[in-house]
Amino acid sequence: MPTTPQQQCGGFGWIFMIYIFCLFVCLSIFPLFALVIICLFFFCSFPVFFFLIWATLAL
């Protein structure tokens, strides 16, 4: 049963995009912004991996 990233992200997609935008505006670090974008794709496919990366960035 294949699922699309849109289906897996669901209503959290727009919240996550706001999170990315806030990171970009507040930090203005392009490498980090690119890393978060990459994390977005992993978040849609592997939520556990995303939360590990997010926890690492939070530290």
PDB file of N, CA and C in Angstrom:
ATOM      1  N   MET A   1       0.843  -1.208   0.000  1.00  0.00           N
ATOM      2  CA  MET A   1       0.000   0.000   0.000  1.00  0.00           C
ATOM      3  C   MET A   1       0.876   1.254   0.000  1.00  0.00           C
ATOM      4  N   PRO A   2       1.148   1.802  -1.171  1.00  0.00           N
ATOM      5  CA  PRO A   2       2.005   2.999  -1.257  1.00  0.00           C
ATOM      6  C   PRO A   2       1.285   4.231  -0.726  1.00  0.00           C
ATOM      7  N   THR A   3       2.035   5.081  -0.065  1.00  0.00           N
ATOM      8  CA  THR A   3       1.466   6.326   0.451  1.00  0.00           C
ATOM      9  C   THR A   3       2.297   7.500  -0.019  1.00  0.00           C
ATOM     10  N   THR A   4       1.647   8.606  -0.291  1.00  0.00           N
ATOM     11  CA  THR A   4       2.364   9.791  -0.751  1.00  0.00           C
ATOM     12  C   THR A   4       2.808  10.628   0.439  1.00  0.00           C
ATOM     13  N   PRO A   5       3.859  11.419   0.271  1.00  0.00           N
ATOM     14  CA  PRO A   5       4.318  12.306   1.356  1.00  0.00           C
ATOM     15  C   PRO A   5       3.204  13.224   1.849  1.00  0.00           C
ATOM     16  N   GLN A   6       2.331  13.663   0.929  1.00  0.00           N
ATOM     17  CA  GLN A   6       1.240  14.541   1.325  1.00  0.00           C
ATOM     18  C   GLN A   6       0.309  13.836   2.308  1.00  0.00           C
ATOM     19  N   GLN A   7       0.058  12.554   2.067  1.00  0.00           N
ATOM     20  CA  GLN A   7      -0.829  11.800   2.943  1.00  0.00           C
ATOM     21  C   GLN A   7      -0.188  11.591   4.308  1.00  0.00           C
ATOM     22  N   GLN A   8       1.111  11.322   4.325  1.00  0.00           N
ATOM     23  CA  GLN A   8       1.794  11.047   5.579  1.00  0.00           C
ATOM     24  C   GLN A   8       1.977  12.319   6.399  1.00  0.00           C
ATOM     25  N   CYS A   9       2.277  13.427   5.731  1.00  0.00           N
ATOM     26  CA  CYS A   9       2.481  14.681   6.454  1.00  0.00           C
ATOM     27  C   CYS A   9       1.150  15.219   6.974  1.00  0.00           C
ATOM     28  N   GLY A  10       0.131  15.150   6.141  1.00  0.00           N
ATOM     29  CA  GLY A  10      -1.194  15.573   6.565  1.00  0.00           C
ATOM     30  C   GLY A  10      -1.221  17.029   6.995  1.00  0.00           C
ATOM     31  N   GLY A  11      -1.934  17.306   8.094  1.00  0.00           N
ATOM     32  CA  GLY A  11      -2.103  18.667   8.578  1.00  0.00           C
ATOM     33  C   GLY A  11      -0.838  19.250   9.178  1.00  0.00           C
ATOM     34  N   PHE A  12       0.166  18.405   9.433  1.00  0.00           N
ATOM     35  CA  PHE A  12       1.396  18.896  10.041  1.00  0.00           C
ATOM     36  C   PHE A  12       2.295  19.583   9.017  1.00  0.00           C
ATOM     37  N   GLY A  13       1.964  19.422   7.732  1.00  0.00           N
ATOM     38  CA  GLY A  13       2.808  19.973   6.681  1.00  0.00           C
ATOM     39  C   GLY A  13       2.967  21.485   6.796  1.00  0.00           C
ATOM     40  N   TRP A  14       1.851  22.206   6.951  1.00  0.00           N
ATOM     41  CA  TRP A  14       1.910  23.678   7.009  1.00  0.00           C
ATOM     42  C   TRP A  14       2.577  24.136   8.291  1.00  0.00           C
ATOM     43  N   ILE A  15       2.381  23.398   9.398  1.00  0.00           N
ATOM     44  CA  ILE A  15       3.043  23.746  10.659  1.00  0.00           C
ATOM     45  C   ILE A  15       4.554  23.615  10.499  1.00  0.00           C
ATOM     46  N   PHE A  16       4.967  22.551   9.819  1.00  0.00           N
ATOM     47  CA  PHE A  16       6.395  22.312   9.614  1.00  0.00           C
ATOM     48  C   PHE A  16       6.995  23.385   8.719  1.00  0.00           C
ATOM     49  N   MET A  17       6.239  23.833   7.707  1.00  0.00           N
ATOM     50  CA  MET A  17       6.732  24.879   6.818  1.00  0.00           C
ATOM     51  C   MET A  17       6.921  26.188   7.575  1.00  0.00           C
ATOM     52  N   ILE A  18       6.018  26.496   8.504  1.00  0.00           N
ATOM     53  CA  ILE A  18       6.159  27.689   9.339  1.00  0.00           C
ATOM     54  C   ILE A  18       7.403  27.564  10.206  1.00  0.00           C
ATOM     55  N   TYR A  19       7.643  26.344  10.719  1.00  0.00           N
ATOM     56  CA  TYR A  19       8.830  26.075  11.531  1.00  0.00           C
ATOM     57  C   TYR A  19      10.098  26.332  10.731  1.00  0.00           C
ATOM     58  N   ILE A  20      10.111  25.871   9.482  1.00  0.00           N
ATOM     59  CA  ILE A  20      11.264  26.098   8.606  1.00  0.00           C
ATOM     60  C   ILE A  20      11.454  27.592   8.358  1.00  0.00           C
ATOM     61  N   PHE A  21      10.365  28.293   8.091  1.00  0.00           N
ATOM     62  CA  PHE A  21      10.432  29.724   7.808  1.00  0.00           C
ATOM     63  C   PHE A  21      10.989  30.486   8.999  1.00  0.00           C
ATOM     64  N   CYS A  22      10.540  30.125  10.202  1.00  0.00           N
ATOM     65  CA  CYS A  22      11.014  30.795  11.413  1.00  0.00           C
ATOM     66  C   CYS A  22      12.506  30.551  11.618  1.00  0.00           C
ATOM     67  N   LEU A  23      12.940  29.321  11.352  1.00  0.00           N
ATOM     68  CA  LEU A  23      14.365  29.020  11.477  1.00  0.00           C
ATOM     69  C   LEU A  23      15.170  29.886  10.517  1.00  0.00           C
ATOM     70  N   PHE A  24      14.691  29.981   9.278  1.00  0.00           N
ATOM     71  CA  PHE A  24      15.414  30.725   8.258  1.00  0.00           C
ATOM     72  C   PHE A  24      15.494  32.205   8.601  1.00  0.00           C
ATOM     73  N   VAL A  25      14.392  32.775   9.054  1.00  0.00           N
ATOM     74  CA  VAL A  25      14.353  34.203   9.373  1.00  0.00           C
ATOM     75  C   VAL A  25      15.170  34.514  10.625  1.00  0.00           C
ATOM     76  N   CYS A  26      14.996  33.699  11.664  1.00  0.00           N
ATOM     77  CA  CYS A  26      15.651  33.974  12.945  1.00  0.00           C
ATOM     78  C   CYS A  26      17.155  33.723  12.880  1.00  0.00           C
ATOM     79  N   LEU A  27      17.558  32.692  12.161  1.00  0.00           N
ATOM     80  CA  LEU A  27      18.974  32.309  12.154  1.00  0.00           C
ATOM     81  C   LEU A  27      19.701  32.843  10.924  1.00  0.00           C
ATOM     82  N   SER A  28      18.978  32.898   9.795  1.00  0.00           N
ATOM     83  CA  SER A  28      19.571  33.379   8.534  1.00  0.00           C
ATOM     84  C   SER A  28      20.848  32.621   8.189  1.00  0.00           C
ATOM     85  N   ILE A  29      20.815  31.316   8.424  1.00  0.00           N
ATOM     86  CA  ILE A  29      21.968  30.469   8.088  1.00  0.00           C
ATOM     87  C   ILE A  29      21.546  29.554   6.939  1.00  0.00           C
ATOM     88  N   PHE A  30      22.094  29.805   5.756  1.00  0.00           N
ATOM     89  CA  PHE A  30      21.685  29.050   4.576  1.00  0.00           C
ATOM     90  C   PHE A  30      21.970  27.550   4.682  1.00  0.00           C
ATOM     91  N   PRO A  31      23.154  27.132   5.172  1.00  0.00           N
ATOM     92  CA  PRO A  31      23.408  25.686   5.303  1.00  0.00           C
ATOM     93  C   PRO A  31      22.379  25.004   6.198  1.00  0.00           C
ATOM     94  N   LEU A  32      22.018  25.646   7.291  1.00  0.00           N
ATOM     95  CA  LEU A  32      21.033  25.070   8.208  1.00  0.00           C
ATOM     96  C   LEU A  32      19.668  25.013   7.533  1.00  0.00           C
ATOM     97  N   PHE A  33      19.341  26.055   6.777  1.00  0.00           N
ATOM     98  CA  PHE A  33      18.065  26.095   6.064  1.00  0.00           C
ATOM     99  C   PHE A  33      17.971  24.944   5.069  1.00  0.00           C
ATOM    100  N   ALA A  34      19.072  24.710   4.347  1.00  0.00           N
ATOM    101  CA  ALA A  34      19.107  23.609   3.388  1.00  0.00           C
ATOM    102  C   ALA A  34      18.965  22.268   4.115  1.00  0.00           C
ATOM    103  N   LEU A  35      19.599  22.151   5.278  1.00  0.00           N
ATOM    104  CA  LEU A  35      19.526  20.918   6.063  1.00  0.00           C
ATOM    105  C   LEU A  35      18.095  20.652   6.510  1.00  0.00           C
ATOM    106  N   VAL A  36      17.398  21.718   6.919  1.00  0.00           N
ATOM    107  CA  VAL A  36      16.007  21.575   7.356  1.00  0.00           C
ATOM    108  C   VAL A  36      15.117  21.158   6.187  1.00  0.00           C
ATOM    109  N   ILE A  37      15.387  21.712   4.997  1.00  0.00           N
ATOM    110  CA  ILE A  37      14.630  21.321   3.808  1.00  0.00           C
ATOM    111  C   ILE A  37      14.807  19.834   3.544  1.00  0.00           C
ATOM    112  N   ILE A  38      16.054  19.353   3.655  1.00  0.00           N
ATOM    113  CA  ILE A  38      16.328  17.926   3.484  1.00  0.00           C
ATOM    114  C   ILE A  38      15.570  17.125   4.535  1.00  0.00           C
ATOM    115  N   CYS A  39      15.548  17.637   5.760  1.00  0.00           N
ATOM    116  CA  CYS A  39      14.842  16.960   6.844  1.00  0.00           C
ATOM    117  C   CYS A  39      13.353  16.879   6.548  1.00  0.00           C
ATOM    118  N   LEU A  40      12.830  17.861   5.816  1.00  0.00           N
ATOM    119  CA  LEU A  40      11.411  17.860   5.476  1.00  0.00           C
ATOM    120  C   LEU A  40      11.054  16.613   4.670  1.00  0.00           C
ATOM    121  N   PHE A  41      11.922  16.275   3.694  1.00  0.00           N
ATOM    122  CA  PHE A  41      11.667  15.098   2.876  1.00  0.00           C
ATOM    123  C   PHE A  41      11.765  13.821   3.703  1.00  0.00           C
ATOM    124  N   PHE A  42      12.751  13.774   4.619  1.00  0.00           N
ATOM    125  CA  PHE A  42      12.883  12.607   5.488  1.00  0.00           C
ATOM    126  C   PHE A  42      11.700  12.523   6.450  1.00  0.00           C
ATOM    127  N   PHE A  43      11.183  13.680   6.857  1.00  0.00           N
ATOM    128  CA  PHE A  43      10.036  13.726   7.765  1.00  0.00           C
ATOM    129  C   PHE A  43       8.812  13.090   7.108  1.00  0.00           C
ATOM    130  N   CYS A  44       8.655  13.330   5.826  1.00  0.00           N
ATOM    131  CA  CYS A  44       7.513  12.775   5.103  1.00  0.00           C
ATOM    132  C   CYS A  44       7.645  11.263   4.934  1.00  0.00           C
ATOM    133  N   SER A  45       8.886  10.769   4.915  1.00  0.00           N
ATOM    134  CA  SER A  45       9.116   9.347   4.688  1.00  0.00           C
ATOM    135  C   SER A  45       9.443   8.597   5.969  1.00  0.00           C
ATOM    136  N   PHE A  46      10.262   9.210   6.817  1.00  0.00           N
ATOM    137  CA  PHE A  46      10.707   8.537   8.032  1.00  0.00           C
ATOM    138  C   PHE A  46      10.607   9.481   9.233  1.00  0.00           C
ATOM    139  N   PRO A  47       9.409   9.573   9.850  1.00  0.00           N
ATOM    140  CA  PRO A  47       9.181  10.498  10.975  1.00  0.00           C
ATOM    141  C   PRO A  47      10.181  10.312  12.107  1.00  0.00           C
ATOM    142  N   VAL A  48      10.547   9.074  12.419  1.00  0.00           N
ATOM    143  CA  VAL A  48      11.475   8.814  13.519  1.00  0.00           C
ATOM    144  C   VAL A  48      12.827   9.457  13.220  1.00  0.00           C
ATOM    145  N   PHE A  49      13.308   9.305  11.983  1.00  0.00           N
ATOM    146  CA  PHE A  49      14.585   9.897  11.582  1.00  0.00           C
ATOM    147  C   PHE A  49      14.523  11.413  11.713  1.00  0.00           C
ATOM    148  N   PHE A  50      13.385  11.991  11.317  1.00  0.00           N
ATOM    149  CA  PHE A  50      13.227  13.444  11.407  1.00  0.00           C
ATOM    150  C   PHE A  50      13.335  13.921  12.846  1.00  0.00           C
ATOM    151  N   PHE A  51      12.654  13.233  13.756  1.00  0.00           N
ATOM    152  CA  PHE A  51      12.663  13.661  15.147  1.00  0.00           C
ATOM    153  C   PHE A  51      14.058  13.528  15.747  1.00  0.00           C
ATOM    154  N   LEU A  52      14.843  12.543  15.293  1.00  0.00           N
ATOM    155  CA  LEU A  52      16.228  12.422  15.753  1.00  0.00           C
ATOM    156  C   LEU A  52      17.037  13.628  15.298  1.00  0.00           C
ATOM    157  N   ILE A  53      16.863  14.019  14.032  1.00  0.00           N
ATOM    158  CA  ILE A  53      17.577  15.183  13.506  1.00  0.00           C
ATOM    159  C   ILE A  53      17.111  16.457  14.204  1.00  0.00           C
ATOM    160  N   TRP A  54      15.799  16.571  14.418  1.00  0.00           N
ATOM    161  CA  TRP A  54      15.246  17.768  15.063  1.00  0.00           C
ATOM    162  C   TRP A  54      15.772  17.907  16.479  1.00  0.00           C
ATOM    163  N   ALA A  55      15.859  16.777  17.193  1.00  0.00           N
ATOM    164  CA  ALA A  55      16.379  16.797  18.562  1.00  0.00           C
ATOM    165  C   ALA A  55      17.846  17.223  18.556  1.00  0.00           C
ATOM    166  N   THR A  56      18.591  16.761  17.552  1.00  0.00           N
ATOM    167  CA  THR A  56      20.004  17.130  17.442  1.00  0.00           C
ATOM    168  C   THR A  56      20.145  18.630  17.187  1.00  0.00           C
ATOM    169  N   LEU A  57      19.306  19.177  16.296  1.00  0.00           N
ATOM    170  CA  LEU A  57      19.352  20.610  16.002  1.00  0.00           C
ATOM    171  C   LEU A  57      18.933  21.423  17.220  1.00  0.00           C
ATOM    172  N   ALA A  58      18.009  20.876  18.002  1.00  0.00           N
ATOM    173  CA  ALA A  58      17.532  21.582  19.191  1.00  0.00           C
ATOM    174  C   ALA A  58      18.645  21.718  20.233  1.00  0.00           C
ATOM    175  N   LEU A  59      19.553  20.733  20.263  1.00  0.00           N
ATOM    176  CA  LEU A  59      20.666  20.805  21.209  1.00  0.00           C
ATOM    177  C   LEU A  59      21.634  21.891  20.771  1.00  0.00           C
TER     178      LEU A  59
END
